């Protein structure tokens, strides 16, 4: 093992700490303001005809999957699946070298977003969503800061995989 590789394992992983914390704090503050300011299903226009803040609760999984489905222990099962995914992504992020900056940033955003939504599931029993983007009668899924961090993190990870040679095997 080279000296650089040996040092790599001992370097502090500040990104993996500060980015998720920033996402969680921003997400929870925004959700607190929404819960305090708007009743469930109440909206306020931000950019009329395009963007509203609408307080909704998601008891399901990503993009509202399972939201309309009711079954015993749904909240607990969705919470356990979310927590398991969070642990898996966190453990995977620990395998990245210090030099894999884009991948580390992407995973840190994903971890922060997943943790922000998990806080809601554990404390409120559902995820508070509020960013309602629409055009005429077509509405995108209502989302929140944590969802945005996850989406940006996944996009960063895709860019990392597509544009860095460290993830591409070569043949001679």
C-alpha atoms as a PDB file:
ATOM      1  CA  UNK A   1       0.000   0.000   0.000  1.00  0.00           C
ATOM      2  CA  UNK A   2       1.369   3.393  -0.926  1.00  0.00           C
ATOM      3  CA  UNK A   3       1.848   6.154   1.640  1.00  0.00           C
ATOM      4  CA  UNK A   4      -0.928   8.171  -0.017  1.00  0.00           C
ATOM      5  CA  UNK A   5      -3.341   5.245   0.230  1.00  0.00           C
ATOM      6  CA  UNK A   6      -2.409   4.663   3.865  1.00  0.00           C
ATOM      7  CA  UNK A   7      -2.981   8.331   4.701  1.00  0.00           C
ATOM      8  CA  UNK A   8      -6.263   8.340   2.776  1.00  0.00           C
ATOM      9  CA  UNK A   9      -7.934   6.041   5.294  1.00  0.00           C
ATOM     10  CA  UNK A  10      -6.965   8.319   8.190  1.00  0.00           C
ATOM     11  CA  UNK A  11      -8.058  11.653   6.682  1.00  0.00           C
ATOM     12  CA  UNK A  12     -11.067  13.224   8.327  1.00  0.00           C
ATOM     13  CA  UNK A  13     -14.173  12.991   6.183  1.00  0.00           C
ATOM     14  CA  UNK A  14     -15.502  16.488   6.779  1.00  0.00           C
ATOM     15  CA  UNK A  15     -17.682  16.511   3.655  1.00  0.00           C
ATOM     16  CA  UNK A  16     -19.467  13.386   4.829  1.00  0.00           C
ATOM     17  CA  UNK A  17     -20.300  15.162   8.076  1.00  0.00           C
ATOM     18  CA  UNK A  18     -20.991  18.793   7.142  1.00  0.00           C
ATOM     19  CA  UNK A  19     -22.976  18.352   3.924  1.00  0.00           C
ATOM     20  CA  UNK A  20     -25.537  15.976   5.480  1.00  0.00           C
ATOM     21  CA  UNK A  21     -25.817  18.184   8.573  1.00  0.00           C
ATOM     22  CA  UNK A  22     -26.422  21.262   6.418  1.00  0.00           C
ATOM     23  CA  UNK A  23     -29.075  19.414   4.406  1.00  0.00           C
ATOM     24  CA  UNK A  24     -30.827  18.083   7.522  1.00  0.00           C
ATOM     25  CA  UNK A  25     -30.842  21.475   9.264  1.00  0.00           C
ATOM     26  CA  UNK A  26     -32.064  23.357   6.161  1.00  0.00           C
ATOM     27  CA  UNK A  27     -34.683  20.696   5.448  1.00  0.00           C
ATOM     28  CA  UNK A  28     -36.023  20.559   9.000  1.00  0.00           C
ATOM     29  CA  UNK A  29     -36.138  24.370   9.317  1.00  0.00           C
ATOM     30  CA  UNK A  30     -38.081  24.671   6.049  1.00  0.00           C
ATOM     31  CA  UNK A  31     -40.509  21.919   7.093  1.00  0.00           C
ATOM     32  CA  UNK A  32     -40.984  23.550  10.509  1.00  0.00           C
ATOM     33  CA  UNK A  33     -41.900  26.839   8.835  1.00  0.00           C
ATOM     34  CA  UNK A  34     -44.357  25.080   6.522  1.00  0.00           C
ATOM     35  CA  UNK A  35     -45.995  23.118   9.376  1.00  0.00           C
ATOM     36  CA  UNK A  36     -46.268  26.348  11.371  1.00  0.00           C
ATOM     37  CA  UNK A  37     -47.534  28.531   8.505  1.00  0.00           C
ATOM     38  CA  UNK A  38     -49.817  26.310   6.404  1.00  0.00           C
ATOM     39  CA  UNK A  39     -52.537  23.818   7.233  1.00  0.00           C
ATOM     40  CA  UNK A  40     -52.295  20.475   5.431  1.00  0.00           C
ATOM     41  CA  UNK A  41     -53.326  20.975   1.753  1.00  0.00           C
ATOM     42  CA  UNK A  42     -53.177  24.765   2.098  1.00  0.00           C
ATOM     43  CA  UNK A  43     -51.160  26.603  -0.588  1.00  0.00           C
ATOM     44  CA  UNK A  44     -49.557  29.962  -1.063  1.00  0.00           C
ATOM     45  CA  UNK A  45     -48.418  31.066  -4.524  1.00  0.00           C
ATOM     46  CA  UNK A  46     -44.714  31.811  -4.861  1.00  0.00           C
ATOM     47  CA  UNK A  47     -44.559  32.174  -8.658  1.00  0.00           C
ATOM     48  CA  UNK A  48     -48.223  32.172  -9.772  1.00  0.00           C
ATOM     49  CA  UNK A  49     -48.899  29.642 -12.506  1.00  0.00           C
ATOM     50  CA  UNK A  50     -45.661  27.768 -11.814  1.00  0.00           C
ATOM     51  CA  UNK A  51     -44.702  27.346  -8.140  1.00  0.00           C
ATOM     52  CA  UNK A  52     -46.666  27.197  -4.895  1.00  0.00           C
ATOM     53  CA  UNK A  53     -45.794  26.164  -1.383  1.00  0.00           C
ATOM     54  CA  UNK A  54     -48.411  23.508  -0.604  1.00  0.00           C
ATOM     55  CA  UNK A  55     -48.337  21.598   2.682  1.00  0.00           C
ATOM     56  CA  UNK A  56     -48.832  17.884   2.014  1.00  0.00           C
ATOM     57  CA  UNK A  57     -47.943  14.761   3.965  1.00  0.00           C
ATOM     58  CA  UNK A  58     -46.375  11.731   2.289  1.00  0.00           C
ATOM     59  CA  UNK A  59     -46.926   8.525   4.239  1.00  0.00           C
ATOM     60  CA  UNK A  60     -45.481   6.456   1.411  1.00  0.00           C
ATOM     61  CA  UNK A  61     -42.077   6.150  -0.187  1.00  0.00           C
ATOM     62  CA  UNK A  62     -40.295   8.186  -2.851  1.00  0.00           C
ATOM     63  CA  UNK A  63     -42.529  10.139  -5.245  1.00  0.00           C
ATOM     64  CA  UNK A  64     -45.572   9.257  -3.170  1.00  0.00           C
ATOM     65  CA  UNK A  65     -45.389   5.531  -3.958  1.00  0.00           C
ATOM     66  CA  UNK A  66     -47.528   3.601  -1.477  1.00  0.00           C
ATOM     67  CA  UNK A  67     -49.052   6.872  -0.214  1.00  0.00           C
ATOM     68  CA  UNK A  68     -52.605   5.806  -1.033  1.00  0.00           C
ATOM     69  CA  UNK A  69     -52.063   2.231   0.100  1.00  0.00           C
ATOM     70  CA  UNK A  70     -52.880   1.404   3.692  1.00  0.00           C
ATOM     71  CA  UNK A  71     -51.632  -1.735   5.404  1.00  0.00           C
ATOM     72  CA  UNK A  72     -50.743  -2.719   8.970  1.00  0.00           C
ATOM     73  CA  UNK A  73     -47.511  -1.204  10.282  1.00  0.00           C
ATOM     74  CA  UNK A  74     -47.038   0.851   7.089  1.00  0.00           C
ATOM     75  CA  UNK A  75     -45.272   3.705   8.902  1.00  0.00           C
ATOM     76  CA  UNK A  76     -42.914   1.311  10.680  1.00  0.00           C
ATOM     77  CA  UNK A  77     -42.155  -0.729   7.538  1.00  0.00           C
ATOM     78  CA  UNK A  78     -41.476   2.340   5.378  1.00  0.00           C
ATOM     79  CA  UNK A  79     -39.328   3.774   8.193  1.00  0.00           C
ATOM     80  CA  UNK A  80     -37.276   0.567   8.522  1.00  0.00           C
ATOM     81  CA  UNK A  81     -36.739   0.386   4.756  1.00  0.00           C
ATOM     82  CA  UNK A  82     -35.692   4.078   4.705  1.00  0.00           C
ATOM     83  CA  UNK A  83     -33.334   3.604   7.667  1.00  0.00           C
ATOM     84  CA  UNK A  84     -31.817   0.491   6.072  1.00  0.00           C
ATOM     85  CA  UNK A  85     -31.205   2.352   2.811  1.00  0.00           C
ATOM     86  CA  UNK A  86     -29.632   5.229   4.736  1.00  0.00           C
ATOM     87  CA  UNK A  87     -27.272   2.850   6.563  1.00  0.00           C
ATOM     88  CA  UNK A  88     -26.347   1.091   3.302  1.00  0.00           C
ATOM     89  CA  UNK A  89     -25.548   4.354   1.491  1.00  0.00           C
ATOM     90  CA  UNK A  90     -23.556   5.605   4.484  1.00  0.00           C
ATOM     91  CA  UNK A  91     -21.519   2.399   4.628  1.00  0.00           C
ATOM     92  CA  UNK A  92     -20.895   2.535   0.887  1.00  0.00           C
ATOM     93  CA  UNK A  93     -19.739   6.161   1.153  1.00  0.00           C
ATOM     94  CA  UNK A  94     -17.040   5.048   3.607  1.00  0.00           C
ATOM     95  CA  UNK A  95     -15.490   2.888   0.850  1.00  0.00           C
ATOM     96  CA  UNK A  96     -14.786   5.883  -1.392  1.00  0.00           C
ATOM     97  CA  UNK A  97     -11.273   7.225  -1.486  1.00  0.00           C
ATOM     98  CA  UNK A  98     -10.552  10.797  -0.443  1.00  0.00           C
ATOM     99  CA  UNK A  99      -9.840  11.637  -4.095  1.00  0.00           C
ATOM    100  CA  UNK A 100     -13.324  10.671  -5.280  1.00  0.00           C
ATOM    101  CA  UNK A 101     -14.657  14.131  -4.517  1.00  0.00           C
ATOM    102  CA  UNK A 102     -17.735  14.165  -6.774  1.00  0.00           C
ATOM    103  CA  UNK A 103     -18.878  10.755  -5.575  1.00  0.00           C
ATOM    104  CA  UNK A 104     -18.342  11.783  -1.946  1.00  0.00           C
ATOM    105  CA  UNK A 105     -20.335  15.004  -2.440  1.00  0.00           C
ATOM    106  CA  UNK A 106     -23.137  13.143  -4.222  1.00  0.00           C
ATOM    107  CA  UNK A 107     -23.401  10.505  -1.519  1.00  0.00           C
ATOM    108  CA  UNK A 108     -23.235  13.134   1.238  1.00  0.00           C
ATOM    109  CA  UNK A 109     -26.214  14.928  -0.351  1.00  0.00           C
ATOM    110  CA  UNK A 110     -28.105  11.624  -0.614  1.00  0.00           C
ATOM    111  CA  UNK A 111     -27.347  10.753   3.011  1.00  0.00           C
ATOM    112  CA  UNK A 112     -28.448  14.211   4.198  1.00  0.00           C
ATOM    113  CA  UNK A 113     -31.682  14.033   2.229  1.00  0.00           C
ATOM    114  CA  UNK A 114     -32.490  10.510   3.350  1.00  0.00           C
ATOM    115  CA  UNK A 115     -31.779  11.452   6.961  1.00  0.00           C
ATOM    116  CA  UNK A 116     -33.939  14.596   6.707  1.00  0.00           C
ATOM    117  CA  UNK A 117     -36.919  12.579   5.493  1.00  0.00           C
ATOM    118  CA  UNK A 118     -36.253   9.858   8.067  1.00  0.00           C
ATOM    119  CA  UNK A 119     -36.416  12.477  10.846  1.00  0.00           C
ATOM    120  CA  UNK A 120     -39.947  13.290   9.629  1.00  0.00           C
ATOM    121  CA  UNK A 121     -40.993   9.645   9.515  1.00  0.00           C
ATOM    122  CA  UNK A 122     -39.768   9.105  13.065  1.00  0.00           C
ATOM    123  CA  UNK A 123     -41.125  12.329  14.580  1.00  0.00           C
ATOM    124  CA  UNK A 124     -44.258  13.119  12.548  1.00  0.00           C
ATOM    125  CA  UNK A 125     -45.145   9.722  11.023  1.00  0.00           C
ATOM    126  CA  UNK A 126     -45.011  11.096   7.476  1.00  0.00           C
ATOM    127  CA  UNK A 127     -42.774  13.274   5.332  1.00  0.00           C
ATOM    128  CA  UNK A 128     -43.693  16.941   4.997  1.00  0.00           C
ATOM    129  CA  UNK A 129     -43.566  18.009   1.338  1.00  0.00           C
ATOM    130  CA  UNK A 130     -44.260  21.535   0.185  1.00  0.00           C
ATOM    131  CA  UNK A 131     -42.610  22.557  -3.114  1.00  0.00           C
ATOM    132  CA  UNK A 132     -45.387  22.302  -5.720  1.00  0.00           C
ATOM    133  CA  UNK A 133     -44.150  22.883  -9.282  1.00  0.00           C
ATOM    134  CA  UNK A 134     -46.840  22.896 -11.958  1.00  0.00           C
ATOM    135  CA  UNK A 135     -47.881  24.074 -15.387  1.00  0.00           C
ATOM    136  CA  UNK A 136     -51.596  24.620 -15.918  1.00  0.00           C
ATOM    137  CA  UNK A 137     -53.229  21.375 -14.697  1.00  0.00           C
ATOM    138  CA  UNK A 138     -50.028  19.293 -14.699  1.00  0.00           C
ATOM    139  CA  UNK A 139     -48.322  19.022 -11.294  1.00  0.00           C
ATOM    140  CA  UNK A 140     -44.957  17.470 -10.588  1.00  0.00           C
ATOM    141  CA  UNK A 141     -44.755  15.485  -7.342  1.00  0.00           C
ATOM    142  CA  UNK A 142     -44.700  17.831  -4.368  1.00  0.00           C
ATOM    143  CA  UNK A 143     -41.248  17.631  -2.799  1.00  0.00           C
ATOM    144  CA  UNK A 144     -39.022  19.172  -0.117  1.00  0.00           C
ATOM    145  CA  UNK A 145     -35.418  20.226   0.537  1.00  0.00           C
ATOM    146  CA  UNK A 146     -34.365  16.658   1.421  1.00  0.00           C
ATOM    147  CA  UNK A 147     -35.819  15.312  -1.840  1.00  0.00           C
ATOM    148  CA  UNK A 148     -33.939  18.009  -3.741  1.00  0.00           C
ATOM    149  CA  UNK A 149     -30.672  17.045  -2.042  1.00  0.00           C
ATOM    150  CA  UNK A 150     -31.238  13.389  -2.957  1.00  0.00           C
ATOM    151  CA  UNK A 151     -31.987  14.281  -6.594  1.00  0.00           C
ATOM    152  CA  UNK A 152     -28.949  16.558  -6.852  1.00  0.00           C
ATOM    153  CA  UNK A 153     -26.801  13.890  -5.162  1.00  0.00           C
ATOM    154  CA  UNK A 154     -27.922  11.225  -7.636  1.00  0.00           C
ATOM    155  CA  UNK A 155     -27.227  13.615 -10.535  1.00  0.00           C
ATOM    156  CA  UNK A 156     -23.723  14.321  -9.182  1.00  0.00           C
ATOM    157  CA  UNK A 157     -23.125  10.560  -8.842  1.00  0.00           C
ATOM    158  CA  UNK A 158     -24.215   9.999 -12.465  1.00  0.00           C
ATOM    159  CA  UNK A 159     -21.890  12.762 -13.667  1.00  0.00           C
ATOM    160  CA  UNK A 160     -19.102  11.215 -11.634  1.00  0.00           C
ATOM    161  CA  UNK A 161     -19.673   7.784 -13.192  1.00  0.00           C
ATOM    162  CA  UNK A 162     -19.953   9.152 -16.744  1.00  0.00           C
ATOM    163  CA  UNK A 163     -17.064  11.596 -16.731  1.00  0.00           C
ATOM    164  CA  UNK A 164     -14.372  10.085 -14.584  1.00  0.00           C
ATOM    165  CA  UNK A 165     -12.149   7.331 -15.837  1.00  0.00           C
ATOM    166  CA  UNK A 166     -11.820   5.693 -12.399  1.00  0.00           C
ATOM    167  CA  UNK A 167     -15.171   3.960 -12.835  1.00  0.00           C
ATOM    168  CA  UNK A 168     -14.645   2.754 -16.387  1.00  0.00           C
ATOM    169  CA  UNK A 169     -12.886  -0.504 -17.073  1.00  0.00           C
ATOM    170  CA  UNK A 170     -10.608  -0.541 -20.080  1.00  0.00           C
ATOM    171  CA  UNK A 171      -9.551  -3.375 -22.318  1.00  0.00           C
ATOM    172  CA  UNK A 172      -6.308  -3.645 -24.215  1.00  0.00           C
END
